Amino acid sequence: MAFIITSPCIDTKDQACVDVCPVDCIHFEDGVDTMLYINPVECIDCGACEPACPVDAIFEEGSVPDDESKFIEINSLWYDDPAAARTQLGGGSEPAEATSAEPVAEPAEATSAEPAEATSAENNEASGTLEDQATVAASTESEKISTPKQVEAQSYLSSNQKLPSPASIIVLVPFIVLFIISLVMPGPIIAEVIGLQIGLITIACFMIGNLFLFLFLFFEGKSLAKFSAMRQRKILKWRDAPVLWRRSEEMRRLDLESIITQIAETSFAYPNEEYPSLQTFVNLPEPQLGIEIVGGIGGRIYPDIIVAEQPGNYPKLIGQIESSETVTREQAERVWVTLDNAESTTILFVPTGYGARAKDYIRTAGIKNVQVRTWKRSGDSIRVLPV
């Protein structure tokens, strides 16, 4: 559930929320917009922006006051059609209705010809407006890049905690029974260790019990691995050490754009002689190609790098680059899970030292089709390393 910016932000445009946002999902067009907007697709629901707002304009979507509920749609609409969002923000449609209604009521004492002429003029204006809107909509639609291969949405509300499988419970019961039998009826005594009598039945139960224990671990191996991955992994202390300053969001974004550009040039250099039908799209600083999400939350996602087959823009490779600030469980559950797609290969690039942590987050989020690579600085260039 994303956060929403409401009316107190109008004509304020304080950008404290932009500085603290870890995923850079708060935007506005300087000189045109009167407020800021949160992208509900990219928002990871971390809540960092809410206390940073000096005018208390930011609410969680479920907590937006009733009289501010229209801003839920406005925030989302701005990322698809900024002009329409600004119109709703200014109440463009409602004043138009009020203006057209007033002339009808005022000339009640005038001759019947004047209202007829006014009505005819209004109809002509409305017809012209509709034609203009249709023309704009058609031209806008023609510029959009559609992707026939679509990503199946993942549910963010699905629980990662599952009950043990019936098979594991079935093999665990005889293991417990054999353990009790070995203690109660050890059989002919062969040896005694620390007061514990060991007999032939004890040895037989031990050998058979190990078989059932192995079967239990086999059936529950993935669940145990996921449980282990839920623990916060400790990495080098200097990487997690607290600092007295935090780089600004603008600095982080510029740094990330440079890293993405270099990775795109080195690891996604398409088209080339071997793959002339592939083309690389980089969605920073401006989005070039999006992928529609089918079902779930719907909408469109813009991974950092998309390699698409031409013609048709069929995505074959997807690259998502993260900085040290964005390798988090929330990022995995809100962003990486949308890239989990069996139809194309998705590669996640994280800073050196964060590979194991990223794989833990991928495992606990239930992501299956994402590969992990690490990047590191080498002078002025970026090196990509396998995990």
Protein backbone atom coordinates (compact mmCIF):
# COMPACT_ATOMS: atom_id res chain seq x y z
CA MET A 1 0.00 0.00 0.00
CA ALA A 2 1.66 3.22 -1.22
CA PHE A 3 1.79 6.64 0.44
CA ILE A 4 -0.19 9.57 -0.98
CA ILE A 5 0.62 13.32 -1.13
CA THR A 6 -2.47 15.48 -0.47
CA SER A 7 -3.59 19.13 -0.71
CA PRO A 8 -1.36 20.71 2.03
CA CYS A 9 1.54 20.21 -0.40
CA ILE A 10 -0.04 22.56 -2.97
CA ASP A 11 2.14 25.68 -3.45
CA THR A 12 4.54 24.33 -0.82
CA LYS A 13 6.65 21.84 -2.78
CA ASP A 14 9.08 21.26 0.06
CA GLN A 15 11.42 18.51 -1.14
CA ALA A 16 12.41 17.01 2.20
CA CYS A 17 10.43 13.89 1.25
CA VAL A 18 12.46 13.55 -1.96
CA ASP A 19 15.72 13.58 -0.02
CA VAL A 20 14.71 10.72 2.29
CA CYS A 21 12.97 8.48 -0.30
CA PRO A 22 15.21 5.38 -0.79
CA VAL A 23 13.75 4.47 -4.21
CA ASP A 24 13.33 7.94 -5.76
CA CYS A 25 9.58 7.62 -6.39
CA ILE A 26 8.57 11.26 -5.64
CA HIS A 27 8.60 13.66 -8.59
CA PHE A 28 7.20 16.89 -10.01
CA GLU A 29 7.90 19.16 -12.97
CA ASP A 30 9.50 22.37 -11.78
CA GLY A 31 7.71 25.49 -12.97
CA VAL A 32 4.60 23.55 -14.03
CA ASP A 33 3.33 21.53 -11.07
CA THR A 34 2.11 23.06 -7.82
CA MET A 35 2.70 19.94 -5.74
CA LEU A 36 4.72 16.70 -5.63
CA TYR A 37 3.44 13.23 -6.59
CA ILE A 38 4.31 9.71 -5.36
CA ASN A 39 4.52 6.88 -7.89
CA PRO A 40 2.35 4.08 -6.36
CA VAL A 41 4.11 1.41 -8.47
CA GLU A 42 7.62 2.30 -7.30
CA CYS A 43 6.72 3.21 -3.68
CA ILE A 44 7.93 0.48 -1.29
CA ASP A 45 5.75 1.66 1.61
CA CYS A 46 8.77 2.40 3.83
CA GLY A 47 7.12 5.49 5.37
CA ALA A 48 10.31 7.58 5.38
CA CYS A 49 8.60 10.48 3.61
CA GLU A 50 5.68 10.86 6.05
CA PRO A 51 7.57 12.32 9.05
CA ALA A 52 9.82 14.37 6.73
CA CYS A 53 6.90 16.41 5.34
CA PRO A 54 6.77 19.80 7.14
CA VAL A 55 3.07 20.36 6.32
CA ASP A 56 1.76 16.84 7.13
CA ALA A 57 0.59 16.29 3.55
CA ILE A 58 1.62 12.62 3.24
CA PHE A 59 -0.62 9.75 4.34
CA GLU A 60 -0.62 6.00 3.90
CA GLU A 61 -3.21 5.14 1.24
CA GLY A 62 -5.52 3.46 3.74
CA SER A 63 -5.33 6.48 6.09
CA VAL A 64 -6.07 9.28 3.61
CA PRO A 65 -8.91 11.50 4.95
CA ASP A 66 -12.19 11.23 3.07
CA ASP A 67 -12.02 14.84 1.85
CA GLU A 68 -8.55 14.15 0.40
CA SER A 69 -9.38 10.79 -1.23
CA LYS A 70 -9.25 12.23 -4.77
CA PHE A 71 -5.49 12.62 -4.38
CA ILE A 72 -5.11 8.82 -4.44
CA GLU A 73 -6.11 8.88 -8.10
CA ILE A 74 -4.28 12.14 -8.82
CA ASN A 75 -0.92 10.80 -7.57
CA SER A 76 -1.24 7.72 -9.78
CA LEU A 77 -2.65 9.59 -12.78
CA TRP A 78 0.26 12.06 -12.89
CA TYR A 79 2.66 9.27 -13.95
CA ASP A 80 0.41 8.27 -16.87
CA ASP A 81 -1.03 11.63 -17.92
CA PRO A 82 0.41 14.68 -16.08
CA ALA A 83 -1.93 17.10 -17.86
CA ALA A 84 -5.03 15.17 -16.75
CA ALA A 85 -3.72 15.05 -13.17
CA ARG A 86 -3.19 18.82 -13.16
CA THR A 87 -6.70 19.29 -14.52
CA GLN A 88 -8.19 17.20 -11.69
CA LEU A 89 -6.04 19.05 -9.18
CA GLY A 90 -7.40 22.39 -10.41
CA GLY A 91 -10.94 21.05 -10.74
CA GLY A 92 -10.88 21.76 -14.46
CA SER A 93 -14.00 19.75 -15.28
CA GLU A 94 -16.18 20.99 -12.45
CA PRO A 95 -15.83 24.76 -13.08
CA ALA A 96 -16.55 24.14 -16.77
CA GLU A 97 -19.91 22.65 -15.86
CA ALA A 98 -20.67 25.53 -13.50
CA THR A 99 -19.77 28.11 -16.14
CA SER A 100 -21.93 26.49 -18.78
CA ALA A 101 -24.84 26.23 -16.35
CA GLU A 102 -24.89 29.94 -15.38
CA PRO A 103 -25.73 31.41 -18.83
CA VAL A 104 -28.67 29.04 -19.08
CA ALA A 105 -30.20 30.34 -15.84
CA GLU A 106 -29.50 34.11 -16.34
CA PRO A 107 -31.18 34.86 -19.70
CA ALA A 108 -34.54 33.43 -18.60
CA GLU A 109 -36.25 36.75 -19.53
CA ALA A 110 -34.45 37.08 -22.86
CA THR A 111 -35.90 36.10 -26.21
CA SER A 112 -35.98 32.45 -27.19
CA ALA A 113 -33.58 33.04 -30.10
CA GLU A 114 -30.67 34.06 -27.84
CA PRO A 115 -30.69 30.87 -25.71
CA ALA A 116 -30.94 28.82 -28.89
CA GLU A 117 -27.89 30.58 -30.34
CA ALA A 118 -25.99 30.19 -27.05
CA THR A 119 -26.88 26.51 -26.87
CA SER A 120 -25.77 25.99 -30.47
CA ALA A 121 -22.47 27.77 -29.80
CA GLU A 122 -21.89 25.70 -26.69
CA ASN A 123 -22.58 22.48 -28.59
CA ASN A 124 -20.11 23.54 -31.29
CA GLU A 125 -17.49 24.34 -28.66
CA ALA A 126 -18.10 21.04 -26.88
CA SER A 127 -17.86 19.17 -30.18
CA GLY A 128 -14.61 20.95 -31.00
CA THR A 129 -13.26 20.19 -27.53
CA LEU A 130 -14.13 16.50 -27.85
CA GLU A 131 -12.45 16.35 -31.27
CA ASP A 132 -9.33 18.04 -29.86
CA GLN A 133 -9.24 15.63 -26.92
CA ALA A 134 -9.65 12.64 -29.24
CA THR A 135 -6.81 13.93 -31.44
CA VAL A 136 -4.51 14.41 -28.43
CA ALA A 137 -5.40 10.97 -27.05
CA ALA A 138 -4.72 9.34 -30.44
CA SER A 139 -1.37 11.05 -30.83
CA THR A 140 -0.38 10.17 -27.29
CA GLU A 141 -1.37 6.55 -27.78
CA SER A 142 0.71 6.27 -30.94
CA GLU A 143 3.85 7.37 -29.07
CA LYS A 144 3.56 4.70 -26.38
CA ILE A 145 5.78 1.63 -26.72
CA SER A 146 3.75 -1.47 -26.05
CA THR A 147 5.21 -4.81 -25.04
CA PRO A 148 3.30 -7.92 -26.12
CA LYS A 149 5.21 -10.10 -23.67
CA GLN A 150 3.73 -9.18 -20.31
CA VAL A 151 4.82 -9.89 -16.76
CA GLU A 152 2.46 -11.86 -14.57
CA ALA A 153 1.95 -9.90 -11.36
CA GLN A 154 2.92 -11.35 -8.00
CA SER A 155 0.76 -10.88 -4.92
CA TYR A 156 2.43 -8.77 -2.22
CA LEU A 157 0.02 -10.13 0.38
CA SER A 158 0.94 -13.79 -0.02
CA SER A 159 2.49 -15.18 3.11
CA ASN A 160 5.99 -16.63 2.98
CA GLN A 161 5.22 -18.85 5.97
CA LYS A 162 3.80 -22.22 4.99
CA LEU A 163 2.79 -25.25 7.00
CA PRO A 164 5.08 -28.32 6.86
CA SER A 165 4.28 -30.71 4.04
CA PRO A 166 2.30 -33.88 4.93
CA ALA A 167 5.23 -36.02 3.79
CA SER A 168 7.61 -34.42 6.30
CA ILE A 169 5.13 -34.97 9.15
CA ILE A 170 4.68 -38.64 8.12
CA VAL A 171 8.44 -39.34 8.23
CA LEU A 172 8.92 -37.38 11.46
CA VAL A 173 6.43 -39.51 13.43
CA PRO A 174 8.31 -42.86 13.01
CA PHE A 175 11.59 -41.08 13.83
CA ILE A 176 10.17 -39.99 17.19
CA VAL A 177 8.70 -43.45 17.82
CA LEU A 178 12.04 -45.15 17.11
CA PHE A 179 13.83 -42.72 19.43
CA ILE A 180 11.44 -43.54 22.29
CA ILE A 181 11.76 -47.31 21.66
CA SER A 182 15.56 -47.07 21.74
CA LEU A 183 15.37 -45.46 25.19
CA VAL A 184 12.68 -47.72 26.68
CA MET A 185 13.70 -51.07 25.17
CA PRO A 186 17.41 -51.03 24.29
CA GLY A 187 17.47 -54.85 23.87
CA PRO A 188 20.53 -56.99 24.69
CA ILE A 189 23.04 -54.57 26.23
CA ILE A 190 26.31 -54.21 24.33
CA ALA A 191 27.82 -51.17 26.02
CA GLU A 192 27.05 -48.40 28.45
CA VAL A 193 28.06 -44.78 27.84
CA ILE A 194 27.55 -42.09 30.52
CA GLY A 195 24.90 -44.20 32.21
CA LEU A 196 23.04 -44.77 28.91
CA GLN A 197 22.60 -48.41 27.98
CA ILE A 198 23.19 -49.23 24.33
CA GLY A 199 21.71 -52.45 22.99
CA LEU A 200 21.05 -54.08 19.64
CA ILE A 201 17.59 -52.49 19.37
CA THR A 202 19.15 -49.08 20.12
CA ILE A 203 21.59 -49.48 17.25
CA ALA A 204 18.87 -50.69 14.87
CA CYS A 205 16.57 -47.79 15.80
CA PHE A 206 19.46 -45.35 15.35
CA MET A 207 20.22 -46.56 11.81
CA ILE A 208 16.56 -46.65 10.71
CA GLY A 209 15.85 -43.32 12.43
CA ASN A 210 18.65 -41.63 10.48
CA LEU A 211 16.91 -42.66 7.27
CA PHE A 212 13.66 -41.00 8.38
CA LEU A 213 15.60 -37.92 9.54
CA PHE A 214 17.23 -37.65 6.11
CA LEU A 215 13.80 -37.85 4.45
CA PHE A 216 12.48 -35.11 6.74
CA LEU A 217 15.36 -32.81 5.85
CA PHE A 218 14.82 -33.60 2.16
CA PHE A 219 11.14 -32.61 2.25
CA GLU A 220 11.66 -29.53 4.42
CA GLY A 221 15.00 -28.37 2.97
CA LYS A 222 13.56 -25.38 1.10
CA SER A 223 11.50 -24.26 4.08
CA LEU A 224 14.52 -24.49 6.38
CA ALA A 225 16.62 -22.53 3.88
CA LYS A 226 13.95 -19.83 3.69
CA PHE A 227 13.77 -19.71 7.49
CA SER A 228 17.54 -19.27 7.64
CA ALA A 229 17.39 -16.52 5.02
CA MET A 230 14.97 -14.53 7.19
CA ARG A 231 17.80 -13.86 9.63
CA GLN A 232 19.60 -10.57 8.96
CA ARG A 233 22.93 -11.51 7.45
CA LYS A 234 25.97 -9.80 8.97
CA ILE A 235 28.48 -8.48 6.47
CA LEU A 236 31.68 -6.50 6.87
CA LYS A 237 31.30 -4.08 9.77
CA TRP A 238 32.57 -1.08 7.82
CA ARG A 239 29.76 -1.51 5.28
CA ASP A 240 27.03 -1.33 7.92
CA ALA A 241 28.76 1.18 10.18
CA PRO A 242 26.58 4.23 10.93
CA VAL A 243 27.71 7.48 9.37
CA LEU A 244 27.12 11.06 10.44
CA TRP A 245 25.93 12.12 6.98
CA ARG A 246 23.69 10.70 4.28
CA ARG A 247 24.26 11.58 0.66
CA SER A 248 21.41 13.49 -0.92
CA GLU A 249 18.91 11.74 -3.15
CA GLU A 250 20.09 13.79 -6.12
CA MET A 251 23.67 12.65 -5.57
CA ARG A 252 22.58 9.01 -5.21
CA ARG A 253 20.49 9.22 -8.37
CA LEU A 254 23.29 10.78 -10.43
CA ASP A 255 25.71 8.13 -9.18
CA LEU A 256 23.21 5.36 -10.00
CA GLU A 257 22.65 6.75 -13.51
CA SER A 258 26.40 6.59 -14.15
CA ILE A 259 26.58 2.99 -12.90
CA ILE A 260 23.55 1.92 -14.96
CA THR A 261 25.00 3.52 -18.10
CA GLN A 262 28.32 1.71 -17.70
CA ILE A 263 26.69 -1.65 -16.98
CA ALA A 264 24.41 -1.21 -20.01
CA GLU A 265 27.43 -0.47 -22.22
CA THR A 266 29.49 -3.42 -20.95
CA SER A 267 26.94 -6.17 -20.15
CA PHE A 268 24.03 -5.24 -22.43
CA ALA A 269 25.76 -4.00 -25.59
CA TYR A 270 23.01 -4.73 -28.10
CA PRO A 271 22.52 -4.87 -31.02
CA ASN A 272 25.76 -6.61 -32.01
CA GLU A 273 26.92 -8.97 -34.74
CA GLU A 274 25.77 -12.08 -32.86
CA TYR A 275 22.36 -10.66 -31.86
CA PRO A 276 21.38 -8.02 -34.42
CA SER A 277 17.66 -8.23 -33.54
CA LEU A 278 18.14 -7.19 -29.89
CA GLN A 279 18.02 -3.58 -28.71
CA THR A 280 18.91 -2.16 -25.29
CA PHE A 281 16.68 0.41 -23.55
CA VAL A 282 17.91 2.33 -20.47
CA ASN A 283 15.12 3.83 -18.34
CA LEU A 284 17.27 6.44 -16.61
CA PRO A 285 17.28 9.41 -16.58
CA GLU A 286 14.11 9.21 -18.72
CA PRO A 287 11.96 6.07 -19.22
CA GLN A 288 12.20 4.55 -22.69
CA LEU A 289 10.38 1.21 -22.47
CA GLY A 290 7.96 -0.16 -19.88
CA ILE A 291 6.46 -3.58 -19.24
CA GLU A 292 2.75 -3.97 -18.55
CA ILE A 293 1.81 -6.02 -15.46
CA VAL A 294 -1.13 -8.40 -15.94
CA GLY A 295 -3.39 -8.90 -12.88
CA GLY A 296 -2.46 -8.04 -9.30
CA ILE A 297 -1.78 -4.32 -8.87
CA GLY A 298 -1.60 -3.83 -12.65
CA GLY A 299 0.14 -0.81 -14.11
CA ARG A 300 3.51 -0.57 -15.82
CA ILE A 301 7.02 -1.15 -14.47
CA TYR A 302 10.24 0.42 -15.71
CA PRO A 303 13.29 -1.73 -14.89
CA ASP A 304 16.61 0.07 -15.19
CA ILE A 305 17.64 -1.87 -18.34
CA ILE A 306 15.50 -3.82 -20.82
CA VAL A 307 16.88 -5.77 -23.78
CA ALA A 308 14.02 -6.33 -26.24
CA GLU A 309 13.81 -8.33 -29.43
CA GLN A 310 12.85 -6.36 -32.53
CA PRO A 311 10.38 -5.96 -34.05
CA GLY A 312 7.72 -6.10 -31.36
CA ASN A 313 9.73 -5.10 -28.26
CA TYR A 314 9.66 -8.59 -26.72
CA PRO A 315 11.74 -8.38 -23.50
CA LYS A 316 14.54 -10.95 -23.41
CA LEU A 317 16.82 -9.55 -20.69
CA ILE A 318 15.98 -7.31 -17.73
CA GLY A 319 18.60 -5.60 -15.58
CA GLN A 320 17.90 -3.97 -12.21
CA ILE A 321 20.76 -2.10 -10.54
CA GLU A 322 20.71 -1.36 -6.81
CA SER A 323 22.85 0.79 -4.55
CA SER A 324 23.75 -0.02 -0.96
CA GLU A 325 20.73 1.99 0.28
CA THR A 326 18.21 -0.06 -1.74
CA VAL A 327 19.32 -3.64 -0.99
CA THR A 328 16.48 -4.22 1.50
CA ARG A 329 13.72 -6.74 2.17
CA GLU A 330 11.14 -4.08 1.29
CA GLN A 331 12.79 -3.53 -2.09
CA ALA A 332 12.70 -7.28 -2.74
CA GLU A 333 9.03 -7.62 -1.77
CA ARG A 334 7.85 -4.51 -3.65
CA VAL A 335 10.16 -4.14 -6.66
CA TRP A 336 12.19 -7.28 -7.36
CA VAL A 337 9.12 -9.52 -7.14
CA THR A 338 7.53 -7.68 -10.08
CA LEU A 339 10.56 -8.61 -12.21
CA ASP A 340 10.13 -12.33 -11.51
CA ASN A 341 9.20 -13.51 -14.99
CA ALA A 342 9.78 -16.91 -16.58
CA GLU A 343 9.50 -15.43 -20.10
CA SER A 344 12.75 -13.45 -19.82
CA THR A 345 16.02 -13.49 -17.89
CA THR A 346 16.22 -10.97 -15.03
CA ILE A 347 19.61 -10.03 -13.57
CA LEU A 348 19.92 -8.11 -10.31
CA PHE A 349 23.12 -6.08 -9.84
CA VAL A 350 24.06 -5.20 -6.25
CA PRO A 351 27.23 -3.69 -4.73
CA THR A 352 30.09 -6.03 -3.86
CA GLY A 353 29.52 -7.55 -0.42
CA TYR A 354 25.72 -7.49 -0.71
CA GLY A 355 25.29 -10.55 -2.95
CA ALA A 356 24.55 -13.06 -0.17
CA ARG A 357 22.16 -10.64 1.51
CA ALA A 358 20.32 -10.04 -1.80
CA LYS A 359 19.97 -13.80 -2.34
CA ASP A 360 18.49 -14.14 1.16
CA TYR A 361 15.91 -11.46 0.37
CA ILE A 362 15.12 -13.13 -2.96
CA ARG A 363 14.58 -16.48 -1.24
CA THR A 364 12.29 -15.10 1.49
CA ALA A 365 10.25 -13.13 -1.08
CA GLY A 366 9.61 -16.32 -3.06
CA ILE A 367 11.36 -15.03 -6.20
CA LYS A 368 12.49 -17.84 -8.52
CA ASN A 369 13.68 -16.38 -11.83
CA VAL A 370 16.16 -13.68 -10.82
CA GLN A 371 19.93 -14.03 -11.07
CA VAL A 372 22.33 -12.01 -8.91
CA ARG A 373 25.51 -10.23 -9.98
CA THR A 374 27.66 -7.79 -8.03
CA TRP A 375 29.31 -4.61 -9.24
CA LYS A 376 32.38 -2.80 -7.91
CA ARG A 377 34.30 0.30 -8.80
CA SER A 378 37.65 -0.12 -10.51
CA GLY A 379 39.06 3.35 -11.02
CA ASP A 380 36.59 5.24 -13.20
CA SER A 381 34.91 2.08 -14.50
CA ILE A 382 32.47 -0.48 -13.11
CA ARG A 383 33.29 -4.18 -12.98
CA VAL A 384 30.56 -6.82 -12.86
CA LEU A 385 31.29 -10.03 -10.94
CA PRO A 386 29.29 -13.28 -10.66
CA VAL A 387 27.98 -14.40 -7.27
